[in-house]
Amino acid sequence: MTGQRTHAGPATGKEVAQLLSTGPFADALRAAIEARGLGLERIRYRLRTQGVSISLATLSHWQSGRCQPDRRTGSMIALSHLEAVLRVPPGSLARLLTPARGAFPRPVLQRSTPR
């Protein structure tokens, strides 16, 4: 299963729940937006009333899979507010984010013990 929906119409709560548990991020976000019945402009307005400034292009790129929120910027704050606007469980979209290209965990260096 690729996460792509096979029928037309708004995503159901069951589909959203499934995508929130399996991902990918873009499919889960798109399904949550469809299920909520809000356009990107309305979402942007609701975020702005909460003090979160985000462009329509960014929201569009997130839902299309062109890019994801950057974990090191205000994008994560915007994402937490977006989860609230979409009425999905806190952290449910954030946990679907994949590491940025070229971002690898830093190795843990072990101190050698003297013998």
C-alpha atoms as a PDB file:
ATOM      1  CA  MET A   1       0.000   0.000   0.000  1.00  0.00           C
ATOM      2  CA  THR A   2       1.418   3.355  -1.016  1.00  0.00           C
ATOM      3  CA  GLY A   3      -0.844   5.482   1.098  1.00  0.00           C
ATOM      4  CA  GLN A   4      -2.608   6.791  -1.987  1.00  0.00           C
ATOM      5  CA  ARG A   5      -6.376   6.902  -1.767  1.00  0.00           C
ATOM      6  CA  THR A   6      -8.303   4.901  -4.355  1.00  0.00           C
ATOM      7  CA  HIS A   7     -11.640   6.724  -4.308  1.00  0.00           C
ATOM      8  CA  ALA A   8     -12.891  10.247  -4.718  1.00  0.00           C
ATOM      9  CA  GLY A   9     -14.427  12.355  -1.981  1.00  0.00           C
ATOM     10  CA  PRO A  10     -13.309  13.574   1.421  1.00  0.00           C
ATOM     11  CA  ALA A  11     -11.155  11.303   3.522  1.00  0.00           C
ATOM     12  CA  THR A  12     -13.005   9.489   6.280  1.00  0.00           C
ATOM     13  CA  GLY A  13     -11.988   9.527   9.929  1.00  0.00           C
ATOM     14  CA  LYS A  14     -10.876   5.909   9.554  1.00  0.00           C
ATOM     15  CA  GLU A  15      -8.624   6.775   6.599  1.00  0.00           C
ATOM     16  CA  VAL A  16      -7.126   9.706   8.491  1.00  0.00           C
ATOM     17  CA  ALA A  17      -6.463   7.541  11.555  1.00  0.00           C
ATOM     18  CA  GLN A  18      -4.802   4.887   9.371  1.00  0.00           C
ATOM     19  CA  LEU A  19      -2.575   7.432   7.612  1.00  0.00           C
ATOM     20  CA  LEU A  20      -1.680   9.106  10.913  1.00  0.00           C
ATOM     21  CA  SER A  21      -0.400   5.773  12.138  1.00  0.00           C
ATOM     22  CA  THR A  22       1.384   4.658   8.958  1.00  0.00           C
ATOM     23  CA  GLY A  23       2.192   7.810   6.984  1.00  0.00           C
ATOM     24  CA  PRO A  24       3.654   9.096   4.877  1.00  0.00           C
ATOM     25  CA  PHE A  25       3.461  12.650   6.210  1.00  0.00           C
ATOM     26  CA  ALA A  26       2.092  14.271   3.030  1.00  0.00           C
ATOM     27  CA  ASP A  27      -0.692  11.699   2.619  1.00  0.00           C
ATOM     28  CA  ALA A  28      -1.703  11.980   6.277  1.00  0.00           C
ATOM     29  CA  LEU A  29      -1.721  15.784   6.115  1.00  0.00           C
ATOM     30  CA  ARG A  30      -3.739  15.824   2.895  1.00  0.00           C
ATOM     31  CA  ALA A  31      -6.284  13.359   4.321  1.00  0.00           C
ATOM     32  CA  ALA A  32      -6.623  15.377   7.547  1.00  0.00           C
ATOM     33  CA  ILE A  33      -7.192  18.569   5.543  1.00  0.00           C
ATOM     34  CA  GLU A  34      -9.816  16.856   3.366  1.00  0.00           C
ATOM     35  CA  ALA A  35     -11.579  15.317   6.362  1.00  0.00           C
ATOM     36  CA  ARG A  36     -11.704  18.694   8.103  1.00  0.00           C
ATOM     37  CA  GLY A  37     -13.178  20.279   4.970  1.00  0.00           C
ATOM     38  CA  LEU A  38     -10.945  23.341   5.078  1.00  0.00           C
ATOM     39  CA  GLY A  39      -9.106  24.980   2.219  1.00  0.00           C
ATOM     40  CA  LEU A  40      -5.499  26.059   2.579  1.00  0.00           C
ATOM     41  CA  GLU A  41      -6.491  29.736   2.730  1.00  0.00           C
ATOM     42  CA  ARG A  42      -8.867  29.038   5.652  1.00  0.00           C
ATOM     43  CA  ILE A  43      -6.183  26.988   7.425  1.00  0.00           C
ATOM     44  CA  ARG A  44      -3.690  29.806   6.921  1.00  0.00           C
ATOM     45  CA  TYR A  45      -6.193  32.296   8.356  1.00  0.00           C
ATOM     46  CA  ARG A  46      -6.815  30.137  11.437  1.00  0.00           C
ATOM     47  CA  LEU A  47      -3.088  29.743  12.003  1.00  0.00           C
ATOM     48  CA  ARG A  48      -2.589  33.506  11.632  1.00  0.00           C
ATOM     49  CA  THR A  49      -5.215  34.162  14.345  1.00  0.00           C
ATOM     50  CA  GLN A  50      -3.024  32.024  16.629  1.00  0.00           C
ATOM     51  CA  GLY A  51       0.043  34.095  15.797  1.00  0.00           C
ATOM     52  CA  VAL A  52       1.493  31.594  13.332  1.00  0.00           C
ATOM     53  CA  SER A  53       2.548  33.005   9.992  1.00  0.00           C
ATOM     54  CA  ILE A  54       2.867  30.470   7.183  1.00  0.00           C
ATOM     55  CA  SER A  55       2.591  30.862   3.428  1.00  0.00           C
ATOM     56  CA  LEU A  56       0.071  29.106   1.229  1.00  0.00           C
ATOM     57  CA  ALA A  57       3.001  27.777  -0.801  1.00  0.00           C
ATOM     58  CA  THR A  58       4.464  26.138   2.294  1.00  0.00           C
ATOM     59  CA  LEU A  59       1.162  24.476   3.211  1.00  0.00           C
ATOM     60  CA  SER A  60       0.768  23.330  -0.384  1.00  0.00           C
ATOM     61  CA  HIS A  61       4.311  21.942  -0.494  1.00  0.00           C
ATOM     62  CA  TRP A  62       3.781  20.080   2.775  1.00  0.00           C
ATOM     63  CA  GLN A  63       0.577  18.415   1.594  1.00  0.00           C
ATOM     64  CA  SER A  64       1.979  17.559  -1.848  1.00  0.00           C
ATOM     65  CA  GLY A  65       5.104  15.971  -0.381  1.00  0.00           C
ATOM     66  CA  ARG A  66       7.390  18.457  -2.084  1.00  0.00           C
ATOM     67  CA  CYS A  67       8.930  19.272   1.312  1.00  0.00           C
ATOM     68  CA  GLN A  68       8.326  18.763   5.016  1.00  0.00           C
ATOM     69  CA  PRO A  69       8.510  21.022   8.047  1.00  0.00           C
ATOM     70  CA  ASP A  70      12.080  21.617   9.158  1.00  0.00           C
ATOM     71  CA  ARG A  71      12.595  20.227  12.657  1.00  0.00           C
ATOM     72  CA  ARG A  72      14.974  23.050  13.611  1.00  0.00           C
ATOM     73  CA  THR A  73      12.789  26.054  12.891  1.00  0.00           C
ATOM     74  CA  GLY A  74       9.449  27.596  13.711  1.00  0.00           C
ATOM     75  CA  SER A  75       7.956  25.019  11.344  1.00  0.00           C
ATOM     76  CA  MET A  76       7.485  22.630  14.267  1.00  0.00           C
ATOM     77  CA  ILE A  77       5.536  25.286  16.159  1.00  0.00           C
ATOM     78  CA  ALA A  78       3.412  25.872  13.062  1.00  0.00           C
ATOM     79  CA  LEU A  79       2.899  22.121  12.728  1.00  0.00           C
ATOM     80  CA  SER A  80       1.668  21.777  16.312  1.00  0.00           C
ATOM     81  CA  HIS A  81      -0.864  24.563  15.709  1.00  0.00           C
ATOM     82  CA  LEU A  82      -1.827  22.954  12.400  1.00  0.00           C
ATOM     83  CA  GLU A  83      -2.529  19.678  14.201  1.00  0.00           C
ATOM     84  CA  ALA A  84      -4.904  21.572  16.495  1.00  0.00           C
ATOM     85  CA  VAL A  85      -6.666  23.294  13.575  1.00  0.00           C
ATOM     86  CA  LEU A  86      -7.090  19.938  11.837  1.00  0.00           C
ATOM     87  CA  ARG A  87      -8.247  18.308  15.098  1.00  0.00           C
ATOM     88  CA  VAL A  88      -5.752  15.467  14.961  1.00  0.00           C
ATOM     89  CA  PRO A  89      -3.959  14.171  18.058  1.00  0.00           C
ATOM     90  CA  PRO A  90      -1.017  16.329  19.171  1.00  0.00           C
ATOM     91  CA  GLY A  91       2.227  15.101  17.660  1.00  0.00           C
ATOM     92  CA  SER A  92       0.505  12.727  15.222  1.00  0.00           C
ATOM     93  CA  LEU A  93       1.735  14.537  12.117  1.00  0.00           C
ATOM     94  CA  ALA A  94       5.088  15.506  13.629  1.00  0.00           C
ATOM     95  CA  ARG A  95       6.006  11.886  14.315  1.00  0.00           C
ATOM     96  CA  LEU A  96       5.626  11.089  10.597  1.00  0.00           C
ATOM     97  CA  LEU A  97       8.402  13.465   9.577  1.00  0.00           C
ATOM     98  CA  THR A  98      11.401  11.831   8.005  1.00  0.00           C
ATOM     99  CA  PRO A  99      14.954  13.021   8.611  1.00  0.00           C
ATOM    100  CA  ALA A 100      16.140  15.725   6.230  1.00  0.00           C
ATOM    101  CA  ARG A 101      18.378  14.599   3.418  1.00  0.00           C
ATOM    102  CA  GLY A 102      21.927  14.465   4.605  1.00  0.00           C
ATOM    103  CA  ALA A 103      20.832  14.613   8.245  1.00  0.00           C
ATOM    104  CA  PHE A 104      22.202  11.649  10.100  1.00  0.00           C
ATOM    105  CA  PRO A 105      22.322  11.104  13.830  1.00  0.00           C
ATOM    106  CA  ARG A 106      25.609  12.185  15.319  1.00  0.00           C
ATOM    107  CA  PRO A 107      27.674   9.247  16.513  1.00  0.00           C
ATOM    108  CA  VAL A 108      28.106   8.899  20.225  1.00  0.00           C
ATOM    109  CA  LEU A 109      31.778   8.981  21.046  1.00  0.00           C
ATOM    110  CA  GLN A 110      32.869   6.636  23.776  1.00  0.00           C
ATOM    111  CA  ARG A 111      35.694   7.754  26.003  1.00  0.00           C
ATOM    112  CA  SER A 112      38.335   5.126  26.085  1.00  0.00           C
ATOM    113  CA  THR A 113      39.183   3.893  29.527  1.00  0.00           C
ATOM    114  CA  PRO A 114      42.857   3.690  30.506  1.00  0.00           C
ATOM    115  CA  ARG A 115      44.164   0.190  30.951  1.00  0.00           C
END
